[in-house]
Amino acid sequence: MGIDIELNTDADDLVYDLEYNRDDANFYKYNLSRGFCRILLYRELIDGEPELDQIARLTDTDVSEFYKMEAFFNDQELSAALKKVKVIGERKQALQDAIQRMYDPNIDRVLDTVNSLIQKLSVFNHFAHLLTNPEAVEHAYYFNNFNTDIGNGYIGNNFGQDLRNFKRFLEYAKSKGATMAYFRYE
């Protein structure tokens, strides 16, 4: 067992409807792999510059929208976070910050980031050797063959396949009325 990354929206009831759940292929078509989860979740644990930041520099693409997608609170998380804040002024600021994150219509900015990375990395195709700090054994596997889907849509995906799945999900979510997307780790 490991930690997975999930894509969620402000319209999950419309995005993950009966039609979506009826087709098992949607899981493999729209999900991100544990490789993508690893480059986001473990970036603080590696020595040196995180891989996603190196990719951002290599492609001259701002990836901050991905990092912002981790800072979402649902109602339960917001309530728990606010209970931890004792000082009234800090509590008010924490609530304002959380509300701003909860209602940030970011889906177009995230989609622009994904599209930019797909376009710019497709010319490299194999770019693992351009990244430093290969902390994981699958480093070369994950960051090479960018233009080819080499996994099953979840297990064994490379970075290119994850970005294409991410793009498909964002476009699908927008078609269902979503205006915001965020990550959740399970």
C-alpha atoms as a PDB file:
ATOM      1  CA  MET A   1       0.000   0.000   0.000  1.00  0.00           C
ATOM      2  CA  GLY A   2       1.118   3.523  -0.662  1.00  0.00           C
ATOM      3  CA  ILE A   3      -0.166   7.048  -0.801  1.00  0.00           C
ATOM      4  CA  ASP A   4      -2.222   8.007  -3.837  1.00  0.00           C
ATOM      5  CA  ILE A   5      -2.986  11.418  -5.267  1.00  0.00           C
ATOM      6  CA  GLU A   6      -6.584  12.161  -6.201  1.00  0.00           C
ATOM      7  CA  LEU A   7      -7.950  14.899  -8.430  1.00  0.00           C
ATOM      8  CA  ASN A   8     -10.968  16.652  -6.967  1.00  0.00           C
ATOM      9  CA  THR A   9     -13.076  19.602  -8.056  1.00  0.00           C
ATOM     10  CA  ASP A  10     -15.678  22.002  -6.773  1.00  0.00           C
ATOM     11  CA  ALA A  11     -18.220  19.951  -8.748  1.00  0.00           C
ATOM     12  CA  ASP A  12     -17.303  16.383  -7.746  1.00  0.00           C
ATOM     13  CA  ASP A  13     -20.963  15.353  -7.587  1.00  0.00           C
ATOM     14  CA  LEU A  14     -21.272  16.220 -11.299  1.00  0.00           C
ATOM     15  CA  VAL A  15     -17.801  15.029 -12.324  1.00  0.00           C
ATOM     16  CA  TYR A  16     -17.926  11.687 -10.527  1.00  0.00           C
ATOM     17  CA  ASP A  17     -21.532  10.923 -11.467  1.00  0.00           C
ATOM     18  CA  LEU A  18     -23.124   7.541 -12.212  1.00  0.00           C
ATOM     19  CA  GLU A  19     -22.003   7.695 -15.834  1.00  0.00           C
ATOM     20  CA  TYR A  20     -18.382   8.268 -14.785  1.00  0.00           C
ATOM     21  CA  ASN A  21     -18.458   5.481 -12.196  1.00  0.00           C
ATOM     22  CA  ARG A  22     -20.141   3.024 -14.577  1.00  0.00           C
ATOM     23  CA  ASP A  23     -17.063   2.939 -16.828  1.00  0.00           C
ATOM     24  CA  ASP A  24     -13.982   1.460 -15.109  1.00  0.00           C
ATOM     25  CA  ALA A  25     -11.812   2.754 -17.957  1.00  0.00           C
ATOM     26  CA  ASN A  26     -12.305   6.294 -16.609  1.00  0.00           C
ATOM     27  CA  PHE A  27     -10.044   5.467 -13.662  1.00  0.00           C
ATOM     28  CA  TYR A  28      -7.149   4.740 -16.020  1.00  0.00           C
ATOM     29  CA  LYS A  29      -7.992   7.573 -18.378  1.00  0.00           C
ATOM     30  CA  TYR A  30      -8.119  10.378 -15.789  1.00  0.00           C
ATOM     31  CA  ASN A  31      -5.971   9.391 -12.797  1.00  0.00           C
ATOM     32  CA  LEU A  32      -2.453  10.310 -11.787  1.00  0.00           C
ATOM     33  CA  SER A  33       0.084   7.675 -10.806  1.00  0.00           C
ATOM     34  CA  ARG A  34       2.098   7.330  -7.625  1.00  0.00           C
ATOM     35  CA  GLY A  35       5.060   8.687  -9.601  1.00  0.00           C
ATOM     36  CA  PHE A  36       3.257  12.021  -9.925  1.00  0.00           C
ATOM     37  CA  CYS A  37       2.247  11.800  -6.284  1.00  0.00           C
ATOM     38  CA  ARG A  38       5.882  11.237  -5.328  1.00  0.00           C
ATOM     39  CA  ILE A  39       7.237  14.292  -7.144  1.00  0.00           C
ATOM     40  CA  LEU A  40       4.723  16.513  -5.329  1.00  0.00           C
ATOM     41  CA  LEU A  41       4.486  14.908  -1.918  1.00  0.00           C
ATOM     42  CA  TYR A  42       8.142  14.115  -1.331  1.00  0.00           C
ATOM     43  CA  ARG A  43       9.695  17.267  -2.755  1.00  0.00           C
ATOM     44  CA  GLU A  44      10.540  18.503   0.742  1.00  0.00           C
ATOM     45  CA  LEU A  45      12.388  15.287   1.565  1.00  0.00           C
ATOM     46  CA  ILE A  46      14.960  15.233  -1.223  1.00  0.00           C
ATOM     47  CA  ASP A  47      18.284  16.997  -1.189  1.00  0.00           C
ATOM     48  CA  GLY A  48      18.583  19.794  -3.701  1.00  0.00           C
ATOM     49  CA  GLU A  49      16.039  21.202  -6.090  1.00  0.00           C
ATOM     50  CA  PRO A  50      12.826  19.146  -6.444  1.00  0.00           C
ATOM     51  CA  GLU A  51      12.250  17.510  -9.834  1.00  0.00           C
ATOM     52  CA  LEU A  52       9.118  19.517 -10.611  1.00  0.00           C
ATOM     53  CA  ASP A  53      11.002  22.758  -9.955  1.00  0.00           C
ATOM     54  CA  GLN A  54      13.798  21.575 -12.255  1.00  0.00           C
ATOM     55  CA  ILE A  55      11.230  20.796 -14.939  1.00  0.00           C
ATOM     56  CA  ALA A  56       9.703  24.250 -14.442  1.00  0.00           C
ATOM     57  CA  ARG A  57      13.121  25.841 -14.935  1.00  0.00           C
ATOM     58  CA  LEU A  58      13.933  23.606 -17.922  1.00  0.00           C
ATOM     59  CA  THR A  59      10.671  24.509 -19.665  1.00  0.00           C
ATOM     60  CA  ASP A  60      10.323  28.067 -18.340  1.00  0.00           C
ATOM     61  CA  THR A  61       6.887  27.123 -16.980  1.00  0.00           C
ATOM     62  CA  ASP A  62       5.383  28.329 -13.716  1.00  0.00           C
ATOM     63  CA  VAL A  63       4.215  25.216 -11.841  1.00  0.00           C
ATOM     64  CA  SER A  64       3.042  27.056  -8.722  1.00  0.00           C
ATOM     65  CA  GLU A  65      -0.575  26.190  -9.574  1.00  0.00           C
ATOM     66  CA  PHE A  66       0.242  22.535  -8.841  1.00  0.00           C
ATOM     67  CA  TYR A  67       1.563  23.452  -5.404  1.00  0.00           C
ATOM     68  CA  LYS A  68      -1.487  25.623  -4.709  1.00  0.00           C
ATOM     69  CA  MET A  69      -3.709  22.641  -5.511  1.00  0.00           C
ATOM     70  CA  GLU A  70      -2.405  20.957  -2.356  1.00  0.00           C
ATOM     71  CA  ALA A  71      -3.620  23.785  -0.111  1.00  0.00           C
ATOM     72  CA  PHE A  72      -7.353  23.060  -0.264  1.00  0.00           C
ATOM     73  CA  PHE A  73      -9.510  22.465   2.795  1.00  0.00           C
ATOM     74  CA  ASN A  74     -12.804  20.631   2.749  1.00  0.00           C
ATOM     75  CA  ASP A  75     -15.339  21.469   5.488  1.00  0.00           C
ATOM     76  CA  GLN A  76     -14.019  18.892   7.979  1.00  0.00           C
ATOM     77  CA  GLU A  77     -10.380  19.887   7.435  1.00  0.00           C
ATOM     78  CA  LEU A  78     -11.257  23.574   7.761  1.00  0.00           C
ATOM     79  CA  SER A  79     -13.087  22.984  11.021  1.00  0.00           C
ATOM     80  CA  ALA A  80     -10.177  20.968  12.449  1.00  0.00           C
ATOM     81  CA  ALA A  81      -7.634  23.583  11.357  1.00  0.00           C
ATOM     82  CA  LEU A  82      -9.603  26.446  12.889  1.00  0.00           C
ATOM     83  CA  LYS A  83      -9.945  24.604  16.206  1.00  0.00           C
ATOM     84  CA  LYS A  84      -6.155  24.504  16.438  1.00  0.00           C
ATOM     85  CA  VAL A  85      -5.854  28.300  16.107  1.00  0.00           C
ATOM     86  CA  LYS A  86      -6.314  29.931  19.549  1.00  0.00           C
ATOM     87  CA  VAL A  87      -5.757  33.637  18.855  1.00  0.00           C
ATOM     88  CA  ILE A  88      -8.852  35.399  17.421  1.00  0.00           C
ATOM     89  CA  GLY A  89      -6.885  37.528  14.908  1.00  0.00           C
ATOM     90  CA  GLU A  90      -4.964  34.512  13.632  1.00  0.00           C
ATOM     91  CA  ARG A  91      -8.197  32.511  13.476  1.00  0.00           C
ATOM     92  CA  LYS A  92      -9.834  35.216  11.355  1.00  0.00           C
ATOM     93  CA  GLN A  93      -6.843  35.325   8.984  1.00  0.00           C
ATOM     94  CA  ALA A  94      -6.726  31.518   8.764  1.00  0.00           C
ATOM     95  CA  LEU A  95     -10.430  31.485   7.876  1.00  0.00           C
ATOM     96  CA  GLN A  96      -9.989  34.179   5.206  1.00  0.00           C
ATOM     97  CA  ASP A  97      -7.025  32.310   3.698  1.00  0.00           C
ATOM     98  CA  ALA A  98      -8.954  29.030   3.685  1.00  0.00           C
ATOM     99  CA  ILE A  99     -12.021  30.600   2.090  1.00  0.00           C
ATOM    100  CA  GLN A 100      -9.873  32.144  -0.625  1.00  0.00           C
ATOM    101  CA  ARG A 101      -8.305  28.739  -1.357  1.00  0.00           C
ATOM    102  CA  MET A 102     -11.672  26.997  -1.230  1.00  0.00           C
ATOM    103  CA  TYR A 103     -13.195  29.197  -3.906  1.00  0.00           C
ATOM    104  CA  ASP A 104     -10.331  29.845  -6.277  1.00  0.00           C
ATOM    105  CA  PRO A 105     -11.553  29.148  -9.833  1.00  0.00           C
ATOM    106  CA  ASN A 106      -8.154  27.789 -10.905  1.00  0.00           C
ATOM    107  CA  ILE A 107      -9.054  25.140 -13.474  1.00  0.00           C
ATOM    108  CA  ASP A 108      -8.085  27.250 -16.507  1.00  0.00           C
ATOM    109  CA  ARG A 109      -4.726  28.229 -14.965  1.00  0.00           C
ATOM    110  CA  VAL A 110      -3.970  24.608 -14.079  1.00  0.00           C
ATOM    111  CA  LEU A 111      -4.949  23.478 -17.577  1.00  0.00           C
ATOM    112  CA  ASP A 112      -2.685  26.163 -19.085  1.00  0.00           C
ATOM    113  CA  THR A 113       0.197  24.870 -16.927  1.00  0.00           C
ATOM    114  CA  VAL A 114      -0.421  21.262 -17.972  1.00  0.00           C
ATOM    115  CA  ASN A 115      -0.682  22.219 -21.655  1.00  0.00           C
ATOM    116  CA  SER A 116       2.524  24.242 -21.465  1.00  0.00           C
ATOM    117  CA  LEU A 117       4.435  21.353 -19.900  1.00  0.00           C
ATOM    118  CA  ILE A 118       3.102  18.870 -22.466  1.00  0.00           C
ATOM    119  CA  GLN A 119       4.053  21.135 -25.350  1.00  0.00           C
ATOM    120  CA  LYS A 120       7.522  22.004 -24.076  1.00  0.00           C
ATOM    121  CA  LEU A 121       8.530  18.561 -22.804  1.00  0.00           C
ATOM    122  CA  SER A 122       7.388  16.735 -25.928  1.00  0.00           C
ATOM    123  CA  VAL A 123      10.438  18.082 -27.772  1.00  0.00           C
ATOM    124  CA  PHE A 124      12.742  16.458 -25.208  1.00  0.00           C
ATOM    125  CA  ASN A 125      10.975  13.078 -24.979  1.00  0.00           C
ATOM    126  CA  HIS A 126      13.883  11.703 -22.870  1.00  0.00           C
ATOM    127  CA  PHE A 127      14.918  14.170 -20.190  1.00  0.00           C
ATOM    128  CA  ALA A 128      15.745  12.203 -17.022  1.00  0.00           C
ATOM    129  CA  HIS A 129      19.440  12.894 -17.648  1.00  0.00           C
ATOM    130  CA  LEU A 130      18.705  16.654 -17.449  1.00  0.00           C
ATOM    131  CA  LEU A 131      17.394  16.320 -13.882  1.00  0.00           C
ATOM    132  CA  THR A 132      19.590  16.045 -10.827  1.00  0.00           C
ATOM    133  CA  ASN A 133      18.886  14.231  -7.579  1.00  0.00           C
ATOM    134  CA  PRO A 134      17.490  10.967  -8.930  1.00  0.00           C
ATOM    135  CA  GLU A 135      16.250   9.800  -5.515  1.00  0.00           C
ATOM    136  CA  ALA A 136      14.166   6.904  -6.766  1.00  0.00           C
ATOM    137  CA  VAL A 137      14.986   3.839  -8.818  1.00  0.00           C
ATOM    138  CA  GLU A 138      12.188   4.662 -11.263  1.00  0.00           C
ATOM    139  CA  HIS A 139      13.636   8.135 -12.011  1.00  0.00           C
ATOM    140  CA  ALA A 140      14.773   7.333 -15.574  1.00  0.00           C
ATOM    141  CA  TYR A 141      11.647   5.287 -16.276  1.00  0.00           C
ATOM    142  CA  TYR A 142       9.315   8.068 -15.103  1.00  0.00           C
ATOM    143  CA  PHE A 143      11.033  10.971 -16.867  1.00  0.00           C
ATOM    144  CA  ASN A 144      11.806   9.316 -20.210  1.00  0.00           C
ATOM    145  CA  ASN A 145       9.614   8.281 -23.157  1.00  0.00           C
ATOM    146  CA  PHE A 146       7.520  11.393 -22.515  1.00  0.00           C
ATOM    147  CA  ASN A 147       5.567  11.089 -25.771  1.00  0.00           C
ATOM    148  CA  THR A 148       4.590   7.446 -25.216  1.00  0.00           C
ATOM    149  CA  ASP A 149       1.997   6.112 -22.766  1.00  0.00           C
ATOM    150  CA  ILE A 150       3.931   3.261 -21.192  1.00  0.00           C
ATOM    151  CA  GLY A 151       1.736   2.478 -18.185  1.00  0.00           C
ATOM    152  CA  ASN A 152      -1.782   1.163 -17.858  1.00  0.00           C
ATOM    153  CA  GLY A 153      -3.115   4.635 -17.027  1.00  0.00           C
ATOM    154  CA  TYR A 154      -2.211   4.346 -13.375  1.00  0.00           C
ATOM    155  CA  ILE A 155       0.427   1.694 -12.666  1.00  0.00           C
ATOM    156  CA  GLY A 156       3.656   2.307 -14.532  1.00  0.00           C
ATOM    157  CA  ASN A 157       2.762   5.709 -15.958  1.00  0.00           C
ATOM    158  CA  ASN A 158       5.529   8.068 -16.932  1.00  0.00           C
ATOM    159  CA  PHE A 159       5.400  11.845 -16.484  1.00  0.00           C
ATOM    160  CA  GLY A 160       4.041  12.406 -19.989  1.00  0.00           C
ATOM    161  CA  GLN A 161       1.198   9.963 -19.498  1.00  0.00           C
ATOM    162  CA  ASP A 162       0.341  11.522 -16.132  1.00  0.00           C
ATOM    163  CA  LEU A 163       0.209  14.990 -17.693  1.00  0.00           C
ATOM    164  CA  ARG A 164      -2.004  13.737 -20.519  1.00  0.00           C
ATOM    165  CA  ASN A 165      -4.322  12.054 -17.982  1.00  0.00           C
ATOM    166  CA  PHE A 166      -4.322  15.293 -15.962  1.00  0.00           C
ATOM    167  CA  LYS A 167      -5.259  17.296 -19.065  1.00  0.00           C
ATOM    168  CA  ARG A 168      -8.076  14.878 -19.961  1.00  0.00           C
ATOM    169  CA  PHE A 169      -9.430  15.087 -16.420  1.00  0.00           C
ATOM    170  CA  LEU A 170      -9.376  18.896 -16.346  1.00  0.00           C
ATOM    171  CA  GLU A 171     -11.128  19.115 -19.715  1.00  0.00           C
ATOM    172  CA  TYR A 172     -13.709  16.552 -18.619  1.00  0.00           C
ATOM    173  CA  ALA A 173     -14.257  18.335 -15.285  1.00  0.00           C
ATOM    174  CA  LYS A 174     -14.710  21.677 -17.068  1.00  0.00           C
ATOM    175  CA  SER A 175     -17.297  20.092 -19.375  1.00  0.00           C
ATOM    176  CA  LYS A 176     -19.220  19.068 -16.235  1.00  0.00           C
ATOM    177  CA  GLY A 177     -19.140  22.612 -14.804  1.00  0.00           C
ATOM    178  CA  ALA A 178     -16.094  22.483 -12.535  1.00  0.00           C
ATOM    179  CA  THR A 179     -14.216  25.747 -12.089  1.00  0.00           C
ATOM    180  CA  MET A 180     -11.666  24.587  -9.558  1.00  0.00           C
ATOM    181  CA  ALA A 181      -9.403  21.550  -9.169  1.00  0.00           C
ATOM    182  CA  TYR A 182      -7.325  20.408  -6.210  1.00  0.00           C
ATOM    183  CA  PHE A 183      -5.283  17.458  -4.987  1.00  0.00           C
ATOM    184  CA  ARG A 184      -6.099  15.164  -2.116  1.00  0.00           C
ATOM    185  CA  TYR A 185      -3.729  12.509  -0.813  1.00  0.00           C
ATOM    186  CA  GLU A 186      -5.252   9.190   0.298  1.00  0.00           C
END
